Amino acid sequence: MTSVVLEEEELARYGYDYENRMVSVSSLRGSETTEAISYIYDGDNVIAEYDDTGTLIAKYIYGPGIDEPHDAIYCVQFYRSRGLSPGYFH
């Protein structure tokens, strides 16, 4: 998926790297980008998320197994400033 379109209006755009990993998500309002998040990988695992200003918003720590998230550290200020609650791995 490269974008989300509703009633002919593009709401989000997704970017991928050469290994087909999602590396960015942009929220759109009309032709304006309202928010962008970039994903940083270590192999196949997302290890960090950054907002469009380059501020770290989440960091992920994995266990020894493949795709086994152990912990997530969120920058709560980023989520609260947008009226959201960060998610958590259990």
PDB file of N, CA and C in Angstrom:
ATOM      1  N   MET A   1       0.851  -1.155   0.000  1.00  0.00           N
ATOM      2  CA  MET A   1       0.000   0.000   0.000  1.00  0.00           C
ATOM      3  C   MET A   1       0.908   1.232   0.000  1.00  0.00           C
ATOM      4  N   THR A   2       0.599   2.160  -0.870  1.00  0.00           N
ATOM      5  CA  THR A   2       1.399   3.379  -0.940  1.00  0.00           C
ATOM      6  C   THR A   2       0.638   4.611  -0.482  1.00  0.00           C
ATOM      7  N   SER A   3      -0.694   4.503  -0.398  1.00  0.00           N
ATOM      8  CA  SER A   3      -1.472   5.647   0.073  1.00  0.00           C
ATOM      9  C   SER A   3      -2.864   5.208   0.503  1.00  0.00           C
ATOM     10  N   VAL A   4      -3.520   6.101   1.256  1.00  0.00           N
ATOM     11  CA  VAL A   4      -4.908   5.905   1.667  1.00  0.00           C
ATOM     12  C   VAL A   4      -5.705   7.031   1.034  1.00  0.00           C
ATOM     13  N   VAL A   5      -6.753   6.649   0.296  1.00  0.00           N
ATOM     14  CA  VAL A   5      -7.583   7.633  -0.394  1.00  0.00           C
ATOM     15  C   VAL A   5      -9.024   7.411   0.021  1.00  0.00           C
ATOM     16  N   LEU A   6      -9.707   8.488   0.377  1.00  0.00           N
ATOM     17  CA  LEU A   6     -11.117   8.436   0.748  1.00  0.00           C
ATOM     18  C   LEU A   6     -11.836   9.516  -0.035  1.00  0.00           C
ATOM     19  N   GLU A   7     -12.820   9.098  -0.802  1.00  0.00           N
ATOM     20  CA  GLU A   7     -13.603  10.034  -1.617  1.00  0.00           C
ATOM     21  C   GLU A   7     -12.689  10.932  -2.450  1.00  0.00           C
ATOM     22  N   GLU A   8     -11.726  10.314  -3.110  1.00  0.00           N
ATOM     23  CA  GLU A   8     -10.783  10.980  -4.012  1.00  0.00           C
ATOM     24  C   GLU A   8      -9.817  11.938  -3.326  1.00  0.00           C
ATOM     25  N   GLU A   9      -9.749  11.908  -2.002  1.00  0.00           N
ATOM     26  CA  GLU A   9      -8.782  12.725  -1.274  1.00  0.00           C
ATOM     27  C   GLU A   9      -7.748  11.817  -0.626  1.00  0.00           C
ATOM     28  N   GLU A  10      -6.468  12.080  -0.904  1.00  0.00           N
ATOM     29  CA  GLU A  10      -5.393  11.297  -0.313  1.00  0.00           C
ATOM     30  C   GLU A  10      -5.198  11.726   1.142  1.00  0.00           C
ATOM     31  N   LEU A  11      -5.313  10.773   2.065  1.00  0.00           N
ATOM     32  CA  LEU A  11      -5.207  11.059   3.494  1.00  0.00           C
ATOM     33  C   LEU A  11      -3.840  10.715   4.076  1.00  0.00           C
ATOM     34  N   ALA A  12      -3.180   9.723   3.506  1.00  0.00           N
ATOM     35  CA  ALA A  12      -1.873   9.290   4.013  1.00  0.00           C
ATOM     36  C   ALA A  12      -1.047   8.740   2.866  1.00  0.00           C
ATOM     37  N   ARG A  13       0.266   8.868   3.024  1.00  0.00           N
ATOM     38  CA  ARG A  13       1.194   8.363   2.017  1.00  0.00           C
ATOM     39  C   ARG A  13       2.277   7.559   2.730  1.00  0.00           C
ATOM     40  N   TYR A  14       2.633   6.406   2.182  1.00  0.00           N
ATOM     41  CA  TYR A  14       3.629   5.519   2.773  1.00  0.00           C
ATOM     42  C   TYR A  14       4.856   5.439   1.878  1.00  0.00           C
ATOM     43  N   GLY A  15       6.050   5.468   2.510  1.00  0.00           N
ATOM     44  CA  GLY A  15       7.297   5.332   1.772  1.00  0.00           C
ATOM     45  C   GLY A  15       7.994   4.036   2.156  1.00  0.00           C
ATOM     46  N   TYR A  16       8.676   3.424   1.179  1.00  0.00           N
ATOM     47  CA  TYR A  16       9.355   2.141   1.389  1.00  0.00           C
ATOM     48  C   TYR A  16      10.788   2.229   0.900  1.00  0.00           C
ATOM     49  N   ASP A  17      11.671   1.443   1.522  1.00  0.00           N
ATOM     50  CA  ASP A  17      13.053   1.397   1.068  1.00  0.00           C
ATOM     51  C   ASP A  17      13.234   0.269   0.061  1.00  0.00           C
ATOM     52  N   TYR A  18      14.476   0.046  -0.380  1.00  0.00           N
ATOM     53  CA  TYR A  18      14.765  -0.961  -1.397  1.00  0.00           C
ATOM     54  C   TYR A  18      14.495  -2.390  -0.912  1.00  0.00           C
ATOM     55  N   GLU A  19      14.381  -2.605   0.406  1.00  0.00           N
ATOM     56  CA  GLU A  19      14.067  -3.930   0.944  1.00  0.00           C
ATOM     57  C   GLU A  19      12.574  -4.076   1.228  1.00  0.00           C
ATOM     58  N   ASN A  20      11.777  -3.116   0.741  1.00  0.00           N
ATOM     59  CA  ASN A  20      10.323  -3.109   0.889  1.00  0.00           C
ATOM     60  C   ASN A  20       9.872  -2.957   2.343  1.00  0.00           C
ATOM     61  N   ARG A  21      10.693  -2.280   3.158  1.00  0.00           N
ATOM     62  CA  ARG A  21      10.321  -1.972   4.535  1.00  0.00           C
ATOM     63  C   ARG A  21       9.702  -0.579   4.556  1.00  0.00           C
ATOM     64  N   MET A  22       8.610  -0.414   5.298  1.00  0.00           N
ATOM     65  CA  MET A  22       7.986   0.902   5.396  1.00  0.00           C
ATOM     66  C   MET A  22       8.919   1.812   6.184  1.00  0.00           C
ATOM     67  N   VAL A  23       9.335   2.917   5.576  1.00  0.00           N
ATOM     68  CA  VAL A  23      10.272   3.825   6.229  1.00  0.00           C
ATOM     69  C   VAL A  23       9.659   5.174   6.576  1.00  0.00           C
ATOM     70  N   SER A  24       8.457   5.449   6.054  1.00  0.00           N
ATOM     71  CA  SER A  24       7.819   6.721   6.399  1.00  0.00           C
ATOM     72  C   SER A  24       6.308   6.648   6.201  1.00  0.00           C
ATOM     73  N   VAL A  25       5.623   7.450   7.005  1.00  0.00           N
ATOM     74  CA  VAL A  25       4.179   7.636   6.887  1.00  0.00           C
ATOM     75  C   VAL A  25       3.935   9.136   6.984  1.00  0.00           C
ATOM     76  N   SER A  26       3.190   9.661   6.033  1.00  0.00           N
ATOM     77  CA  SER A  26       2.843  11.076   6.049  1.00  0.00           C
ATOM     78  C   SER A  26       1.331  11.223   6.089  1.00  0.00           C
ATOM     79  N   SER A  27       0.850  12.027   7.021  1.00  0.00           N
ATOM     80  CA  SER A  27      -0.574  12.359   7.079  1.00  0.00           C
ATOM     81  C   SER A  27      -0.780  13.614   6.247  1.00  0.00           C
ATOM     82  N   LEU A  28      -1.839  13.621   5.464  1.00  0.00           N
ATOM     83  CA  LEU A  28      -2.082  14.728   4.541  1.00  0.00           C
ATOM     84  C   LEU A  28      -3.431  15.371   4.810  1.00  0.00           C
ATOM     85  N   ARG A  29      -3.478  16.657   4.569  1.00  0.00           N
ATOM     86  CA  ARG A  29      -4.736  17.399   4.589  1.00  0.00           C
ATOM     87  C   ARG A  29      -4.720  18.235   3.322  1.00  0.00           C
ATOM     88  N   GLY A  30      -5.514  17.823   2.341  1.00  0.00           N
ATOM     89  CA  GLY A  30      -5.408  18.445   1.023  1.00  0.00           C
ATOM     90  C   GLY A  30      -4.063  18.084   0.433  1.00  0.00           C
ATOM     91  N   SER A  31      -3.329  19.065  -0.060  1.00  0.00           N
ATOM     92  CA  SER A  31      -1.999  18.803  -0.603  1.00  0.00           C
ATOM     93  C   SER A  31      -0.901  19.047   0.428  1.00  0.00           C
ATOM     94  N   GLU A  32      -1.279  19.416   1.655  1.00  0.00           N
ATOM     95  CA  GLU A  32      -0.310  19.724   2.715  1.00  0.00           C
ATOM     96  C   GLU A  32      -0.014  18.499   3.575  1.00  0.00           C
ATOM     97  N   THR A  33       1.260  18.283   3.893  1.00  0.00           N
ATOM     98  CA  THR A  33       1.651  17.239   4.835  1.00  0.00           C
ATOM     99  C   THR A  33       1.479  17.804   6.238  1.00  0.00           C
ATOM    100  N   THR A  34       0.648  17.147   7.053  1.00  0.00           N
ATOM    101  CA  THR A  34       0.398  17.639   8.407  1.00  0.00           C
ATOM    102  C   THR A  34       1.314  16.981   9.429  1.00  0.00           C
ATOM    103  N   GLU A  35       1.805  15.802   9.117  1.00  0.00           N
ATOM    104  CA  GLU A  35       2.672  15.084  10.049  1.00  0.00           C
ATOM    105  C   GLU A  35       3.393  13.998   9.278  1.00  0.00           C
ATOM    106  N   ALA A  36       4.635  13.736   9.638  1.00  0.00           N
ATOM    107  CA  ALA A  36       5.404  12.669   9.006  1.00  0.00           C
ATOM    108  C   ALA A  36       6.177  11.922  10.083  1.00  0.00           C
ATOM    109  N   ILE A  37       6.214  10.613   9.951  1.00  0.00           N
ATOM    110  CA  ILE A  37       6.968   9.768  10.875  1.00  0.00           C
ATOM    111  C   ILE A  37       7.906   8.904  10.044  1.00  0.00           C
ATOM    112  N   SER A  38       9.172   8.833  10.463  1.00  0.00           N
ATOM    113  CA  SER A  38      10.175   7.996   9.801  1.00  0.00           C
ATOM    114  C   SER A  38      10.541   6.840  10.716  1.00  0.00           C
ATOM    115  N   TYR A  39      10.771   5.675  10.114  1.00  0.00           N
ATOM    116  CA  TYR A  39      11.098   4.465  10.856  1.00  0.00           C
ATOM    117  C   TYR A  39      12.536   4.068  10.548  1.00  0.00           C
ATOM    118  N   ILE A  40      13.297   3.713  11.604  1.00  0.00           N
ATOM    119  CA  ILE A  40      14.689   3.284  11.474  1.00  0.00           C
ATOM    120  C   ILE A  40      14.749   1.797  11.820  1.00  0.00           C
ATOM    121  N   TYR A  41      15.471   1.042  11.002  1.00  0.00           N
ATOM    122  CA  TYR A  41      15.529  -0.412  11.150  1.00  0.00           C
ATOM    123  C   TYR A  41      16.916  -0.898  11.543  1.00  0.00           C
ATOM    124  N   ASP A  42      16.930  -2.036  12.234  1.00  0.00           N
ATOM    125  CA  ASP A  42      18.120  -2.846  12.434  1.00  0.00           C
ATOM    126  C   ASP A  42      17.735  -4.199  11.868  1.00  0.00           C
ATOM    127  N   GLY A  43      18.184  -4.499  10.673  1.00  0.00           N
ATOM    128  CA  GLY A  43      17.718  -5.698   9.982  1.00  0.00           C
ATOM    129  C   GLY A  43      16.240  -5.538   9.648  1.00  0.00           C
ATOM    130  N   ASP A  44      15.415  -6.484  10.086  1.00  0.00           N
ATOM    131  CA  ASP A  44      13.973  -6.427   9.830  1.00  0.00           C
ATOM    132  C   ASP A  44      13.191  -5.742  10.937  1.00  0.00           C
ATOM    133  N   ASN A  45      13.850  -5.382  12.030  1.00  0.00           N
ATOM    134  CA  ASN A  45      13.158  -4.814  13.186  1.00  0.00           C
ATOM    135  C   ASN A  45      13.190  -3.289  13.190  1.00  0.00           C
ATOM    136  N   VAL A  46      12.023  -2.672  13.404  1.00  0.00           N
ATOM    137  CA  VAL A  46      11.970  -1.225  13.615  1.00  0.00           C
ATOM    138  C   VAL A  46      12.568  -0.959  14.995  1.00  0.00           C
ATOM    139  N   ILE A  47      13.575  -0.098  15.058  1.00  0.00           N
ATOM    140  CA  ILE A  47      14.193   0.193  16.355  1.00  0.00           C
ATOM    141  C   ILE A  47      13.902   1.607  16.839  1.00  0.00           C
ATOM    142  N   ALA A  48      13.419   2.483  15.934  1.00  0.00           N
ATOM    143  CA  ALA A  48      13.135   3.865  16.348  1.00  0.00           C
ATOM    144  C   ALA A  48      12.156   4.524  15.391  1.00  0.00           C
ATOM    145  N   GLU A  49      11.444   5.505  15.916  1.00  0.00           N
ATOM    146  CA  GLU A  49      10.559   6.351  15.117  1.00  0.00           C
ATOM    147  C   GLU A  49      10.939   7.804  15.390  1.00  0.00           C
ATOM    148  N   TYR A  50      10.973   8.603  14.338  1.00  0.00           N
ATOM    149  CA  TYR A  50      11.274  10.026  14.442  1.00  0.00           C
ATOM    150  C   TYR A  50      10.160  10.824  13.781  1.00  0.00           C
ATOM    151  N   ASP A  51       9.856  12.002  14.345  1.00  0.00           N
ATOM    152  CA  ASP A  51       8.860  12.853  13.710  1.00  0.00           C
ATOM    153  C   ASP A  51       9.528  13.676  12.614  1.00  0.00           C
ATOM    154  N   ASP A  52       8.760  14.547  11.966  1.00  0.00           N
ATOM    155  CA  ASP A  52       9.274  15.299  10.825  1.00  0.00           C
ATOM    156  C   ASP A  52      10.288  16.376  11.202  1.00  0.00           C
ATOM    157  N   THR A  53      10.490  16.629  12.490  1.00  0.00           N
ATOM    158  CA  THR A  53      11.534  17.565  12.917  1.00  0.00           C
ATOM    159  C   THR A  53      12.818  16.839  13.314  1.00  0.00           C
ATOM    160  N   GLY A  54      12.811  15.494  13.252  1.00  0.00           N
ATOM    161  CA  GLY A  54      13.970  14.701  13.637  1.00  0.00           C
ATOM    162  C   GLY A  54      14.012  14.345  15.104  1.00  0.00           C
ATOM    163  N   THR A  55      12.907  14.576  15.815  1.00  0.00           N
ATOM    164  CA  THR A  55      12.826  14.256  17.236  1.00  0.00           C
ATOM    165  C   THR A  55      12.457  12.785  17.423  1.00  0.00           C
ATOM    166  N   LEU A  56      13.196  12.091  18.280  1.00  0.00           N
ATOM    167  CA  LEU A  56      12.904  10.701  18.600  1.00  0.00           C
ATOM    168  C   LEU A  56      11.559  10.619  19.307  1.00  0.00           C
ATOM    169  N   ILE A  57      10.640   9.793  18.791  1.00  0.00           N
ATOM    170  CA  ILE A  57       9.332   9.654  19.434  1.00  0.00           C
ATOM    171  C   ILE A  57       9.093   8.262  19.993  1.00  0.00           C
ATOM    172  N   ALA A  58       9.842   7.259  19.530  1.00  0.00           N
ATOM    173  CA  ALA A  58       9.708   5.912  20.088  1.00  0.00           C
ATOM    174  C   ALA A  58      10.972   5.122  19.795  1.00  0.00           C
ATOM    175  N   LYS A  59      11.292   4.235  20.728  1.00  0.00           N
ATOM    176  CA  LYS A  59      12.463   3.373  20.613  1.00  0.00           C
ATOM    177  C   LYS A  59      12.018   1.967  20.988  1.00  0.00           C
ATOM    178  N   TYR A  60      12.451   0.956  20.238  1.00  0.00           N
ATOM    179  CA  TYR A  60      12.016  -0.420  20.469  1.00  0.00           C
ATOM    180  C   TYR A  60      13.207  -1.308  20.800  1.00  0.00           C
ATOM    181  N   ILE A  61      13.006  -2.199  21.755  1.00  0.00           N
ATOM    182  CA  ILE A  61      14.029  -3.152  22.176  1.00  0.00           C
ATOM    183  C   ILE A  61      13.457  -4.543  21.952  1.00  0.00           C
ATOM    184  N   TYR A  62      14.235  -5.404  21.291  1.00  0.00           N
ATOM    185  CA  TYR A  62      13.754  -6.732  20.917  1.00  0.00           C
ATOM    186  C   TYR A  62      14.423  -7.828  21.730  1.00  0.00           C
ATOM    187  N   GLY A  63      13.709  -8.938  21.883  1.00  0.00           N
ATOM    188  CA  GLY A  63      14.231 -10.134  22.533  1.00  0.00           C
ATOM    189  C   GLY A  63      15.060 -10.931  21.548  1.00  0.00           C
ATOM    190  N   PRO A  64      15.475 -12.128  21.953  1.00  0.00           N
ATOM    191  CA  PRO A  64      16.367 -12.922  21.111  1.00  0.00           C
ATOM    192  C   PRO A  64      15.692 -13.537  19.886  1.00  0.00           C
ATOM    193  N   GLY A  65      14.368 -13.685  19.890  1.00  0.00           N
ATOM    194  CA  GLY A  65      13.669 -14.304  18.765  1.00  0.00           C
ATOM    195  C   GLY A  65      13.402 -13.315  17.644  1.00  0.00           C
ATOM    196  N   ILE A  66      13.016 -13.859  16.497  1.00  0.00           N
ATOM    197  CA  ILE A  66      12.671 -13.030  15.347  1.00  0.00           C
ATOM    198  C   ILE A  66      11.353 -12.321  15.620  1.00  0.00           C
ATOM    199  N   ASP A  67      11.310 -11.034  15.351  1.00  0.00           N
ATOM    200  CA  ASP A  67      10.093 -10.236  15.511  1.00  0.00           C
ATOM    201  C   ASP A  67       9.503 -10.400  16.914  1.00  0.00           C
ATOM    202  N   GLU A  68      10.363 -10.291  17.913  1.00  0.00           N
ATOM    203  CA  GLU A  68       9.934 -10.467  19.300  1.00  0.00           C
ATOM    204  C   GLU A  68      10.182  -9.180  20.092  1.00  0.00           C
ATOM    205  N   PRO A  69       9.268  -8.200  19.955  1.00  0.00           N
ATOM    206  CA  PRO A  69       9.476  -6.957  20.701  1.00  0.00           C
ATOM    207  C   PRO A  69       9.442  -7.211  22.203  1.00  0.00           C
ATOM    208  N   HIS A  70      10.421  -6.696  22.900  1.00  0.00           N
ATOM    209  CA  HIS A  70      10.506  -6.889  24.336  1.00  0.00           C
ATOM    210  C   HIS A  70      10.005  -5.661  25.079  1.00  0.00           C
ATOM    211  N   ASP A  71      10.327  -4.493  24.556  1.00  0.00           N
ATOM    212  CA  ASP A  71       9.987  -3.257  25.248  1.00  0.00           C
ATOM    213  C   ASP A  71       9.873  -2.123  24.238  1.00  0.00           C
ATOM    214  N   ALA A  72       9.085  -1.128  24.584  1.00  0.00           N
ATOM    215  CA  ALA A  72       8.977   0.083  23.775  1.00  0.00           C
ATOM    216  C   ALA A  72       9.080   1.279  24.706  1.00  0.00           C
ATOM    217  N   ILE A  73       9.865   2.248  24.298  1.00  0.00           N
ATOM    218  CA  ILE A  73      10.034   3.469  25.076  1.00  0.00           C
ATOM    219  C   ILE A  73       9.470   4.599  24.231  1.00  0.00           C
ATOM    220  N   TYR A  74       8.454   5.281  24.740  1.00  0.00           N
ATOM    221  CA  TYR A  74       7.785   6.340  23.995  1.00  0.00           C
ATOM    222  C   TYR A  74       8.102   7.697  24.580  1.00  0.00           C
ATOM    223  N   CYS A  75       8.216   8.678  23.709  1.00  0.00           N
ATOM    224  CA  CYS A  75       8.325  10.064  24.135  1.00  0.00           C
ATOM    225  C   CYS A  75       6.901  10.546  24.383  1.00  0.00           C
ATOM    226  N   VAL A  76       6.468  10.514  25.614  1.00  0.00           N
ATOM    227  CA  VAL A  76       5.081  10.804  25.968  1.00  0.00           C
ATOM    228  C   VAL A  76       4.678  12.212  25.549  1.00  0.00           C
ATOM    229  N   GLN A  77       5.609  13.156  25.582  1.00  0.00           N
ATOM    230  CA  GLN A  77       5.285  14.536  25.194  1.00  0.00           C
ATOM    231  C   GLN A  77       4.787  14.604  23.752  1.00  0.00           C
ATOM    232  N   PHE A  78       5.380  13.814  22.856  1.00  0.00           N
ATOM    233  CA  PHE A  78       4.955  13.795  21.458  1.00  0.00           C
ATOM    234  C   PHE A  78       3.496  13.383  21.347  1.00  0.00           C
ATOM    235  N   TYR A  79       3.136  12.325  22.035  1.00  0.00           N
ATOM    236  CA  TYR A  79       1.761  11.821  21.954  1.00  0.00           C
ATOM    237  C   TYR A  79       0.771  12.747  22.655  1.00  0.00           C
ATOM    238  N   ARG A  80       1.133  13.241  23.816  1.00  0.00           N
ATOM    239  CA  ARG A  80       0.224  14.136  24.550  1.00  0.00           C
ATOM    240  C   ARG A  80      -0.025  15.433  23.790  1.00  0.00           C
ATOM    241  N   SER A  81       0.972  15.943  23.086  1.00  0.00           N
ATOM    242  CA  SER A  81       0.803  17.183  22.330  1.00  0.00           C
ATOM    243  C   SER A  81      -0.196  17.012  21.194  1.00  0.00           C
ATOM    244  N   ARG A  82      -0.455  15.765  20.818  1.00  0.00           N
ATOM    245  CA  ARG A  82      -1.410  15.472  19.755  1.00  0.00           C
ATOM    246  C   ARG A  82      -2.714  14.878  20.298  1.00  0.00           C
ATOM    247  N   GLY A  83      -2.850  14.878  21.630  1.00  0.00           N
ATOM    248  CA  GLY A  83      -4.063  14.351  22.245  1.00  0.00           C
ATOM    249  C   GLY A  83      -4.176  12.842  22.156  1.00  0.00           C
ATOM    250  N   LEU A  84      -3.044  12.151  22.043  1.00  0.00           N
ATOM    251  CA  LEU A  84      -3.038  10.689  21.895  1.00  0.00           C
ATOM    252  C   LEU A  84      -2.398  10.040  23.116  1.00  0.00           C
ATOM    253  N   SER A  85      -2.613   8.744  23.254  1.00  0.00           N
ATOM    254  CA  SER A  85      -1.938   7.955  24.281  1.00  0.00           C
ATOM    255  C   SER A  85      -1.011   6.980  23.561  1.00  0.00           C
ATOM    256  N   PRO A  86       0.240   6.859  23.995  1.00  0.00           N
ATOM    257  CA  PRO A  86       1.140   5.898  23.354  1.00  0.00           C
ATOM    258  C   PRO A  86       0.657   4.473  23.629  1.00  0.00           C
ATOM    259  N   GLY A  87       0.915   3.579  22.669  1.00  0.00           N
ATOM    260  CA  GLY A  87       0.588   2.173  22.860  1.00  0.00           C
ATOM    261  C   GLY A  87       1.704   1.476  23.607  1.00  0.00           C
ATOM    262  N   TYR A  88       1.455   0.284  24.054  1.00  0.00           N
ATOM    263  CA  TYR A  88       2.446  -0.466  24.805  1.00  0.00           C
ATOM    264  C   TYR A  88       2.440  -1.921  24.354  1.00  0.00           C
ATOM    265  N   PHE A  89       3.614  -2.548  24.363  1.00  0.00           N
ATOM    266  CA  PHE A  89       3.721  -4.000  24.119  1.00  0.00           C
ATOM    267  C   PHE A  89       3.487  -4.702  25.444  1.00  0.00           C
ATOM    268  N   HIS A  90       2.847  -5.838  25.392  1.00  0.00           N
ATOM    269  CA  HIS A  90       2.631  -6.635  26.610  1.00  0.00           C
ATOM    270  C   HIS A  90       3.325  -7.965  26.485  1.00  0.00           C
TER     271      HIS A  90
END
